[in-house]
Amino acid sequence: MLDCVVHGWDVAQTIGVAYDPDADLVCYSLKAAALIPTGAPSDDRPRTAFAPAVEISADSPALERLLGLVGRRPAAS
């Protein structure tokens, strides 16, 4: 589900359309994204599946916080 929500945003950004996924899907995905291990590329651990997290304000909407956790930079942040 996390991939679907995040890549849906990617596609929407690419083709220039609004993206408003269901709040429950975003909430579930945000909880899953919070469990993704982070680490610098120089760590001995295998690279993570997503880009390093981007700092997003804690009071930002859930979708923006989700995108930040998986390395996206939402325009509003």
PDB file of N, CA and C in Angstrom:
ATOM      1  N   MET A   1       0.824  -1.186   0.000  1.00  0.00           N
ATOM      2  CA  MET A   1       0.000   0.000   0.000  1.00  0.00           C
ATOM      3  C   MET A   1       0.870   1.251   0.000  1.00  0.00           C
ATOM      4  N   LEU A   2       1.932   1.223   0.780  1.00  0.00           N
ATOM      5  CA  LEU A   2       2.843   2.367   0.853  1.00  0.00           C
ATOM      6  C   LEU A   2       3.348   2.730  -0.538  1.00  0.00           C
ATOM      7  N   ASP A   3       3.808   1.745  -1.294  1.00  0.00           N
ATOM      8  CA  ASP A   3       4.306   2.012  -2.650  1.00  0.00           C
ATOM      9  C   ASP A   3       3.226   2.612  -3.531  1.00  0.00           C
ATOM     10  N   CYS A   4       2.022   2.103  -3.443  1.00  0.00           N
ATOM     11  CA  CYS A   4       0.927   2.618  -4.280  1.00  0.00           C
ATOM     12  C   CYS A   4       0.638   4.087  -3.972  1.00  0.00           C
ATOM     13  N   VAL A   5       0.591   4.426  -2.700  1.00  0.00           N
ATOM     14  CA  VAL A   5       0.295   5.810  -2.324  1.00  0.00           C
ATOM     15  C   VAL A   5       1.432   6.732  -2.762  1.00  0.00           C
ATOM     16  N   VAL A   6       2.664   6.344  -2.481  1.00  0.00           N
ATOM     17  CA  VAL A   6       3.809   7.198  -2.814  1.00  0.00           C
ATOM     18  C   VAL A   6       3.998   7.294  -4.326  1.00  0.00           C
ATOM     19  N   HIS A   7       3.935   6.173  -5.021  1.00  0.00           N
ATOM     20  CA  HIS A   7       4.138   6.229  -6.472  1.00  0.00           C
ATOM     21  C   HIS A   7       2.951   6.888  -7.179  1.00  0.00           C
ATOM     22  N   GLY A   8       1.776   6.837  -6.573  1.00  0.00           N
ATOM     23  CA  GLY A   8       0.646   7.599  -7.099  1.00  0.00           C
ATOM     24  C   GLY A   8       0.958   9.087  -7.077  1.00  0.00           C
ATOM     25  N   TRP A   9       1.581   9.533  -5.995  1.00  0.00           N
ATOM     26  CA  TRP A   9       1.994  10.935  -5.898  1.00  0.00           C
ATOM     27  C   TRP A   9       3.050  11.240  -6.950  1.00  0.00           C
ATOM     28  N   ASP A  10       4.011  10.324  -7.121  1.00  0.00           N
ATOM     29  CA  ASP A  10       5.054  10.511  -8.139  1.00  0.00           C
ATOM     30  C   ASP A  10       4.437  10.720  -9.516  1.00  0.00           C
ATOM     31  N   VAL A  11       3.499   9.857  -9.868  1.00  0.00           N
ATOM     32  CA  VAL A  11       2.863   9.946 -11.189  1.00  0.00           C
ATOM     33  C   VAL A  11       2.086  11.258 -11.312  1.00  0.00           C
ATOM     34  N   ALA A  12       1.340  11.612 -10.279  1.00  0.00           N
ATOM     35  CA  ALA A  12       0.569  12.856 -10.315  1.00  0.00           C
ATOM     36  C   ALA A  12       1.486  14.061 -10.517  1.00  0.00           C
ATOM     37  N   GLN A  13       2.632  14.062  -9.839  1.00  0.00           N
ATOM     38  CA  GLN A  13       3.594  15.155 -10.004  1.00  0.00           C
ATOM     39  C   GLN A  13       4.121  15.197 -11.430  1.00  0.00           C
ATOM     40  N   THR A  14       4.392  14.035 -11.978  1.00  0.00           N
ATOM     41  CA  THR A  14       4.953  13.951 -13.320  1.00  0.00           C
ATOM     42  C   THR A  14       4.000  14.479 -14.383  1.00  0.00           C
ATOM     43  N   ILE A  15       2.717  14.163 -14.238  1.00  0.00           N
ATOM     44  CA  ILE A  15       1.761  14.577 -15.267  1.00  0.00           C
ATOM     45  C   ILE A  15       1.009  15.860 -14.897  1.00  0.00           C
ATOM     46  N   GLY A  16       1.325  16.422 -13.732  1.00  0.00           N
ATOM     47  CA  GLY A  16       0.773  17.711 -13.344  1.00  0.00           C
ATOM     48  C   GLY A  16      -0.694  17.716 -12.961  1.00  0.00           C
ATOM     49  N   VAL A  17      -1.114  16.669 -12.254  1.00  0.00           N
ATOM     50  CA  VAL A  17      -2.496  16.631 -11.792  1.00  0.00           C
ATOM     51  C   VAL A  17      -2.537  16.605 -10.270  1.00  0.00           C
ATOM     52  N   ALA A  18      -3.669  16.993  -9.708  1.00  0.00           N
ATOM     53  CA  ALA A  18      -3.850  16.969  -8.257  1.00  0.00           C
ATOM     54  C   ALA A  18      -3.870  15.520  -7.766  1.00  0.00           C
ATOM     55  N   TYR A  19      -3.426  15.322  -6.542  1.00  0.00           N
ATOM     56  CA  TYR A  19      -3.407  13.979  -5.952  1.00  0.00           C
ATOM     57  C   TYR A  19      -3.972  14.073  -4.551  1.00  0.00           C
ATOM     58  N   ASP A  20      -5.048  13.357  -4.318  1.00  0.00           N
ATOM     59  CA  ASP A  20      -5.730  13.400  -3.019  1.00  0.00           C
ATOM     60  C   ASP A  20      -6.151  11.985  -2.626  1.00  0.00           C
ATOM     61  N   PRO A  21      -5.180  11.167  -2.166  1.00  0.00           N
ATOM     62  CA  PRO A  21      -5.537   9.796  -1.779  1.00  0.00           C
ATOM     63  C   PRO A  21      -6.394   9.784  -0.523  1.00  0.00           C
ATOM     64  N   ASP A  22      -7.105   8.699  -0.338  1.00  0.00           N
ATOM     65  CA  ASP A  22      -7.958   8.515   0.831  1.00  0.00           C
ATOM     66  C   ASP A  22      -7.132   8.685   2.111  1.00  0.00           C
ATOM     67  N   ALA A  23      -7.676   9.398   3.065  1.00  0.00           N
ATOM     68  CA  ALA A  23      -6.974   9.672   4.324  1.00  0.00           C
ATOM     69  C   ALA A  23      -6.573   8.396   5.061  1.00  0.00           C
ATOM     70  N   ASP A  24      -7.413   7.365   5.025  1.00  0.00           N
ATOM     71  CA  ASP A  24      -7.073   6.104   5.694  1.00  0.00           C
ATOM     72  C   ASP A  24      -5.855   5.443   5.049  1.00  0.00           C
ATOM     73  N   LEU A  25      -5.748   5.520   3.723  1.00  0.00           N
ATOM     74  CA  LEU A  25      -4.589   4.945   3.031  1.00  0.00           C
ATOM     75  C   LEU A  25      -3.313   5.698   3.398  1.00  0.00           C
ATOM     76  N   VAL A  26      -3.417   7.001   3.484  1.00  0.00           N
ATOM     77  CA  VAL A  26      -2.254   7.811   3.854  1.00  0.00           C
ATOM     78  C   VAL A  26      -1.843   7.507   5.288  1.00  0.00           C
ATOM     79  N   CYS A  27      -2.805   7.412   6.188  1.00  0.00           N
ATOM     80  CA  CYS A  27      -2.518   7.109   7.594  1.00  0.00           C
ATOM     81  C   CYS A  27      -1.814   5.762   7.737  1.00  0.00           C
ATOM     82  N   TYR A  28      -2.352   4.749   7.083  1.00  0.00           N
ATOM     83  CA  TYR A  28      -1.743   3.416   7.122  1.00  0.00           C
ATOM     84  C   TYR A  28      -0.330   3.464   6.542  1.00  0.00           C
ATOM     85  N   SER A  29      -0.167   4.137   5.426  1.00  0.00           N
ATOM     86  CA  SER A  29       1.136   4.221   4.774  1.00  0.00           C
ATOM     87  C   SER A  29       2.137   4.986   5.620  1.00  0.00           C
ATOM     88  N   LEU A  30       1.679   6.030   6.296  1.00  0.00           N
ATOM     89  CA  LEU A  30       2.550   6.812   7.171  1.00  0.00           C
ATOM     90  C   LEU A  30       3.074   5.946   8.315  1.00  0.00           C
ATOM     91  N   LYS A  31       2.204   5.133   8.883  1.00  0.00           N
ATOM     92  CA  LYS A  31       2.636   4.223   9.954  1.00  0.00           C
ATOM     93  C   LYS A  31       3.661   3.226   9.440  1.00  0.00           C
ATOM     94  N   ALA A  32       3.457   2.704   8.243  1.00  0.00           N
ATOM     95  CA  ALA A  32       4.409   1.753   7.660  1.00  0.00           C
ATOM     96  C   ALA A  32       5.736   2.440   7.344  1.00  0.00           C
ATOM     97  N   ALA A  33       5.682   3.647   6.801  1.00  0.00           N
ATOM     98  CA  ALA A  33       6.903   4.370   6.442  1.00  0.00           C
ATOM     99  C   ALA A  33       7.748   4.692   7.670  1.00  0.00           C
ATOM    100  N   ALA A  34       7.091   4.917   8.801  1.00  0.00           N
ATOM    101  CA  ALA A  34       7.824   5.217  10.033  1.00  0.00           C
ATOM    102  C   ALA A  34       8.676   4.031  10.487  1.00  0.00           C
ATOM    103  N   LEU A  35       8.383   2.844   9.988  1.00  0.00           N
ATOM    104  CA  LEU A  35       9.138   1.642  10.364  1.00  0.00           C
ATOM    105  C   LEU A  35      10.304   1.348   9.430  1.00  0.00           C
ATOM    106  N   ILE A  36      10.429   2.105   8.348  1.00  0.00           N
ATOM    107  CA  ILE A  36      11.501   1.866   7.381  1.00  0.00           C
ATOM    108  C   ILE A  36      12.829   2.267   8.011  1.00  0.00           C
ATOM    109  N   PRO A  37      13.813   1.360   7.981  1.00  0.00           N
ATOM    110  CA  PRO A  37      15.115   1.728   8.554  1.00  0.00           C
ATOM    111  C   PRO A  37      15.777   2.824   7.721  1.00  0.00           C
ATOM    112  N   THR A  38      16.486   3.693   8.415  1.00  0.00           N
ATOM    113  CA  THR A  38      17.213   4.747   7.722  1.00  0.00           C
ATOM    114  C   THR A  38      18.698   4.513   7.926  1.00  0.00           C
ATOM    115  N   GLY A  39      19.477   5.176   7.188  1.00  0.00           N
ATOM    116  CA  GLY A  39      20.915   5.059   7.336  1.00  0.00           C
ATOM    117  C   GLY A  39      21.605   5.730   6.174  1.00  0.00           C
ATOM    118  N   ALA A  40      22.787   6.195   6.430  1.00  0.00           N
ATOM    119  CA  ALA A  40      23.565   6.845   5.386  1.00  0.00           C
ATOM    120  C   ALA A  40      24.054   5.792   4.394  1.00  0.00           C
ATOM    121  N   PRO A  41      24.232   6.174   3.132  1.00  0.00           N
ATOM    122  CA  PRO A  41      24.740   5.221   2.139  1.00  0.00           C
ATOM    123  C   PRO A  41      26.085   4.608   2.536  1.00  0.00           C
ATOM    124  N   SER A  42      26.839   5.280   3.410  1.00  0.00           N
ATOM    125  CA  SER A  42      28.143   4.750   3.821  1.00  0.00           C
ATOM    126  C   SER A  42      28.050   3.723   4.949  1.00  0.00           C
ATOM    127  N   ASP A  43      26.850   3.507   5.500  1.00  0.00           N
ATOM    128  CA  ASP A  43      26.671   2.502   6.540  1.00  0.00           C
ATOM    129  C   ASP A  43      27.004   1.117   6.003  1.00  0.00           C
ATOM    130  N   ASP A  44      27.340   0.204   6.903  1.00  0.00           N
ATOM    131  CA  ASP A  44      27.605  -1.180   6.510  1.00  0.00           C
ATOM    132  C   ASP A  44      26.333  -1.936   6.161  1.00  0.00           C
ATOM    133  N   ARG A  45      25.199  -1.377   6.558  1.00  0.00           N
ATOM    134  CA  ARG A  45      23.923  -2.025   6.274  1.00  0.00           C
ATOM    135  C   ARG A  45      23.584  -1.890   4.798  1.00  0.00           C
ATOM    136  N   PRO A  46      22.769  -2.811   4.302  1.00  0.00           N
ATOM    137  CA  PRO A  46      22.324  -2.654   2.907  1.00  0.00           C
ATOM    138  C   PRO A  46      21.564  -1.338   2.751  1.00  0.00           C
ATOM    139  N   ARG A  47      21.611  -0.783   1.562  1.00  0.00           N
ATOM    140  CA  ARG A  47      20.894   0.472   1.308  1.00  0.00           C
ATOM    141  C   ARG A  47      19.404   0.274   1.518  1.00  0.00           C
ATOM    142  N   THR A  48      18.764   1.317   1.987  1.00  0.00           N
ATOM    143  CA  THR A  48      17.332   1.257   2.202  1.00  0.00           C
ATOM    144  C   THR A  48      16.598   1.334   0.858  1.00  0.00           C
ATOM    145  N   ALA A  49      15.326   1.015   0.875  1.00  0.00           N
ATOM    146  CA  ALA A  49      14.527   0.985  -0.350  1.00  0.00           C
ATOM    147  C   ALA A  49      14.184   2.383  -0.859  1.00  0.00           C
ATOM    148  N   PHE A  50      14.297   3.388  -0.018  1.00  0.00           N
ATOM    149  CA  PHE A  50      13.915   4.742  -0.395  1.00  0.00           C
ATOM    150  C   PHE A  50      15.085   5.693  -0.176  1.00  0.00           C
ATOM    151  N   ALA A  51      14.973   6.873  -0.728  1.00  0.00           N
ATOM    152  CA  ALA A  51      15.968   7.915  -0.493  1.00  0.00           C
ATOM    153  C   ALA A  51      15.953   8.293   0.994  1.00  0.00           C
ATOM    154  N   PRO A  52      17.030   8.891   1.481  1.00  0.00           N
ATOM    155  CA  PRO A  52      17.030   9.327   2.879  1.00  0.00           C
ATOM    156  C   PRO A  52      15.860  10.258   3.164  1.00  0.00           C
ATOM    157  N   ALA A  53      15.360  10.185   4.375  1.00  0.00           N
ATOM    158  CA  ALA A  53      14.212  10.996   4.780  1.00  0.00           C
ATOM    159  C   ALA A  53      14.529  12.475   4.640  1.00  0.00           C
ATOM    160  N   VAL A  54      13.511  13.233   4.309  1.00  0.00           N
ATOM    161  CA  VAL A  54      13.592  14.682   4.190  1.00  0.00           C
ATOM    162  C   VAL A  54      12.827  15.260   5.370  1.00  0.00           C
ATOM    163  N   GLU A  55      13.400  16.257   6.026  1.00  0.00           N
ATOM    164  CA  GLU A  55      12.736  16.836   7.193  1.00  0.00           C
ATOM    165  C   GLU A  55      11.482  17.600   6.759  1.00  0.00           C
ATOM    166  N   ILE A  56      10.379  17.214   7.357  1.00  0.00           N
ATOM    167  CA  ILE A  56       9.080  17.838   7.103  1.00  0.00           C
ATOM    168  C   ILE A  56       8.511  18.243   8.459  1.00  0.00           C
ATOM    169  N   SER A  57       7.918  19.386   8.537  1.00  0.00           N
ATOM    170  CA  SER A  57       7.348  19.883   9.785  1.00  0.00           C
ATOM    171  C   SER A  57       6.327  18.895  10.350  1.00  0.00           C
ATOM    172  N   ALA A  58       6.372  18.693  11.652  1.00  0.00           N
ATOM    173  CA  ALA A  58       5.459  17.754  12.324  1.00  0.00           C
ATOM    174  C   ALA A  58       4.000  18.178  12.206  1.00  0.00           C
ATOM    175  N   ASP A  59       3.742  19.453  11.937  1.00  0.00           N
ATOM    176  CA  ASP A  59       2.363  19.895  11.799  1.00  0.00           C
ATOM    177  C   ASP A  59       1.892  19.924  10.339  1.00  0.00           C
ATOM    178  N   SER A  60       2.712  19.401   9.436  1.00  0.00           N
ATOM    179  CA  SER A  60       2.326  19.293   8.032  1.00  0.00           C
ATOM    180  C   SER A  60       1.274  18.206   7.861  1.00  0.00           C
ATOM    181  N   PRO A  61       0.521  18.257   6.771  1.00  0.00           N
ATOM    182  CA  PRO A  61      -0.461  17.199   6.510  1.00  0.00           C
ATOM    183  C   PRO A  61       0.206  15.825   6.426  1.00  0.00           C
ATOM    184  N   ALA A  62      -0.572  14.795   6.725  1.00  0.00           N
ATOM    185  CA  ALA A  62      -0.046  13.425   6.767  1.00  0.00           C
ATOM    186  C   ALA A  62       0.628  13.015   5.460  1.00  0.00           C
ATOM    187  N   LEU A  63       0.068  13.380   4.318  1.00  0.00           N
ATOM    188  CA  LEU A  63       0.678  13.000   3.043  1.00  0.00           C
ATOM    189  C   LEU A  63       2.064  13.614   2.903  1.00  0.00           C
ATOM    190  N   GLU A  64       2.229  14.863   3.291  1.00  0.00           N
ATOM    191  CA  GLU A  64       3.546  15.502   3.214  1.00  0.00           C
ATOM    192  C   GLU A  64       4.550  14.820   4.141  1.00  0.00           C
ATOM    193  N   ARG A  65       4.097  14.457   5.346  1.00  0.00           N
ATOM    194  CA  ARG A  65       4.994  13.759   6.281  1.00  0.00           C
ATOM    195  C   ARG A  65       5.390  12.398   5.728  1.00  0.00           C
ATOM    196  N   LEU A  66       4.431  11.693   5.122  1.00  0.00           N
ATOM    197  CA  LEU A  66       4.724  10.402   4.489  1.00  0.00           C
ATOM    198  C   LEU A  66       5.760  10.583   3.395  1.00  0.00           C
ATOM    199  N   LEU A  67       5.547  11.551   2.534  1.00  0.00           N
ATOM    200  CA  LEU A  67       6.483  11.778   1.429  1.00  0.00           C
ATOM    201  C   LEU A  67       7.882  12.103   1.944  1.00  0.00           C
ATOM    202  N   GLY A  68       7.961  12.881   2.996  1.00  0.00           N
ATOM    203  CA  GLY A  68       9.262  13.197   3.581  1.00  0.00           C
ATOM    204  C   GLY A  68       9.978  11.964   4.112  1.00  0.00           C
ATOM    205  N   LEU A  69       9.230  11.048   4.711  1.00  0.00           N
ATOM    206  CA  LEU A  69       9.846   9.832   5.256  1.00  0.00           C
ATOM    207  C   LEU A  69      10.458   8.954   4.176  1.00  0.00           C
ATOM    208  N   VAL A  70       9.933   9.054   2.952  1.00  0.00           N
ATOM    209  CA  VAL A  70      10.473   8.222   1.866  1.00  0.00           C
ATOM    210  C   VAL A  70      11.316   9.042   0.884  1.00  0.00           C
ATOM    211  N   GLY A  71      11.774  10.198   1.353  1.00  0.00           N
ATOM    212  CA  GLY A  71      12.734  10.978   0.577  1.00  0.00           C
ATOM    213  C   GLY A  71      12.168  11.901  -0.476  1.00  0.00           C
ATOM    214  N   ARG A  72      10.866  12.129  -0.461  1.00  0.00           N
ATOM    215  CA  ARG A  72      10.280  13.057  -1.426  1.00  0.00           C
ATOM    216  C   ARG A  72      10.222  14.445  -0.804  1.00  0.00           C
ATOM    217  N   ARG A  73      10.219  15.450  -1.644  1.00  0.00           N
ATOM    218  CA  ARG A  73      10.122  16.835  -1.204  1.00  0.00           C
ATOM    219  C   ARG A  73       8.828  17.441  -1.735  1.00  0.00           C
ATOM    220  N   PRO A  74       7.748  17.345  -0.950  1.00  0.00           N
ATOM    221  CA  PRO A  74       6.500  17.947  -1.409  1.00  0.00           C
ATOM    222  C   PRO A  74       6.680  19.455  -1.559  1.00  0.00           C
ATOM    223  N   ALA A  75       6.093  20.016  -2.569  1.00  0.00           N
ATOM    224  CA  ALA A  75       6.278  21.442  -2.898  1.00  0.00           C
ATOM    225  C   ALA A  75       5.889  22.362  -1.753  1.00  0.00           C
ATOM    226  N   ALA A  76       4.884  21.993  -0.987  1.00  0.00           N
ATOM    227  CA  ALA A  76       4.398  22.861   0.080  1.00  0.00           C
ATOM    228  C   ALA A  76       5.343  22.944   1.276  1.00  0.00           C
ATOM    229  N   SER A  77       6.286  21.997   1.380  1.00  0.00           N
ATOM    230  CA  SER A  77       7.160  21.981   2.564  1.00  0.00           C
ATOM    231  C   SER A  77       8.451  22.727   2.344  1.00  0.00           C
TER     232      SER A  77
END
